[in-house]
Protein backbone atom coordinates (compact mmCIF):
# COMPACT_ATOMS: atom_id res chain seq x y z
CA MET A 1 -13.74 1.81 9.54
CA ASP A 2 -13.33 5.51 10.14
CA ILE A 3 -10.70 7.69 8.48
CA ASN A 4 -8.32 7.68 11.48
CA GLN A 5 -8.31 3.90 11.63
CA LEU A 6 -7.77 3.71 7.88
CA LEU A 7 -4.81 6.09 8.02
CA GLU A 8 -3.18 4.00 10.75
CA VAL A 9 -3.76 0.73 8.87
CA VAL A 10 -2.36 2.17 5.64
CA LYS A 11 0.73 3.54 7.36
CA LYS A 12 1.37 0.28 9.21
CA LYS A 13 0.97 -1.88 6.09
CA ILE A 14 3.29 0.29 4.01
CA LYS A 15 5.94 0.34 6.76
CA GLN A 16 5.75 -3.45 7.10
CA ASN A 17 5.94 -4.18 3.37
CA VAL A 18 8.00 -1.41 1.79
CA ASN A 19 11.46 -0.18 2.66
CA CYS A 20 10.85 3.51 3.30
CA GLU A 21 12.36 6.30 5.32
CA LYS A 22 9.24 8.40 5.94
CA ILE A 23 5.48 8.23 5.31
CA GLU A 24 2.90 11.02 5.52
CA ILE A 25 -0.77 10.33 4.88
CA GLU A 26 -3.49 12.98 4.52
CA ASP A 27 -7.25 12.73 4.36
CA LYS A 28 -8.39 14.49 1.18
CA THR A 29 -11.97 13.18 1.27
CA PHE A 30 -13.37 16.72 1.36
CA LEU A 31 -12.35 17.07 -2.31
CA HIS A 32 -15.07 14.57 -3.28
CA ARG A 33 -17.96 15.66 -1.04
CA GLY A 34 -19.91 17.37 -3.83
CA HIS A 35 -19.41 14.62 -6.39
CA GLN A 36 -22.27 12.47 -7.62
CA ASN A 37 -20.53 9.19 -6.65
CA PHE A 38 -19.56 10.35 -3.14
CA GLN A 39 -19.92 7.68 -0.45
CA THR A 40 -19.43 8.47 3.24
CA ASP A 41 -17.69 5.12 3.84
CA LYS A 42 -15.09 5.59 1.07
CA PHE A 43 -12.14 7.94 1.47
CA HIS A 44 -9.63 9.87 -0.63
CA ILE A 45 -6.11 9.73 0.76
CA LYS A 46 -2.82 11.28 -0.24
CA ILE A 47 0.33 9.34 0.60
CA LYS A 48 3.79 10.90 0.54
CA ILE A 49 6.55 8.32 0.80
CA ASN A 50 10.27 8.96 1.08
CA SER A 51 11.81 5.73 -0.14
CA LEU A 52 15.06 5.12 -1.95
CA TYR A 53 13.71 1.65 -2.78
CA LEU A 54 10.61 2.99 -4.56
CA LYS A 55 12.43 5.99 -6.03
CA LYS A 56 14.65 3.64 -8.07
CA MET A 57 11.58 2.18 -9.80
CA LYS A 58 9.55 3.59 -12.63
CA LYS A 59 6.51 5.46 -11.33
CA ILE A 60 4.07 2.81 -12.54
CA GLU A 61 6.07 0.04 -10.85
CA SER A 62 6.23 1.85 -7.49
CA SER A 63 2.49 2.58 -7.68
CA LYS A 64 1.81 -1.11 -8.32
CA VAL A 65 3.80 -2.02 -5.21
CA ILE A 66 1.67 0.31 -3.08
CA HIS A 67 -1.57 -0.85 -4.71
CA LYS A 68 -0.66 -4.46 -4.00
CA VAL A 69 0.10 -3.72 -0.35
CA LEU A 70 -3.20 -1.84 0.04
CA LYS A 71 -5.35 -4.19 -2.07
CA ASP A 72 -7.99 -4.87 0.61
CA GLU A 73 -8.25 -1.23 1.70
CA LEU A 74 -8.59 -0.09 -1.92
CA GLU A 75 -11.46 -2.51 -2.47
CA LYS A 76 -13.33 -1.68 0.75
CA TYR A 77 -12.47 1.82 2.01
CA ILE A 78 -10.54 3.93 -0.49
CA HIS A 79 -12.32 5.77 -3.30
CA SER A 80 -9.26 7.65 -4.50
CA ILE A 81 -5.55 7.46 -3.75
CA GLN A 82 -2.76 9.87 -4.62
CA ILE A 83 0.78 8.55 -4.25
CA LEU A 84 3.84 10.80 -4.20
CA ILE A 85 7.25 9.14 -4.05
CA ASN A 86 10.31 11.17 -3.05
């Protein structure tokens, strides 16, 4: 899976499983290129979610919701994920 496919899958899965008003996803893989553990088939993504539903939760709870939704992608394609809830 390439990064563009991954971004589309992530966005679609979040929209289908989480009540949210807006989602922005960025590829931040370049931040890891020089690292010893860098793998070309694993990506670093930053997700900004506007969601009243998630905003009402504690940060750890909202992160768990997103991690559960993206379980397969986290295991196979995502090296690092940054989640910002607004």
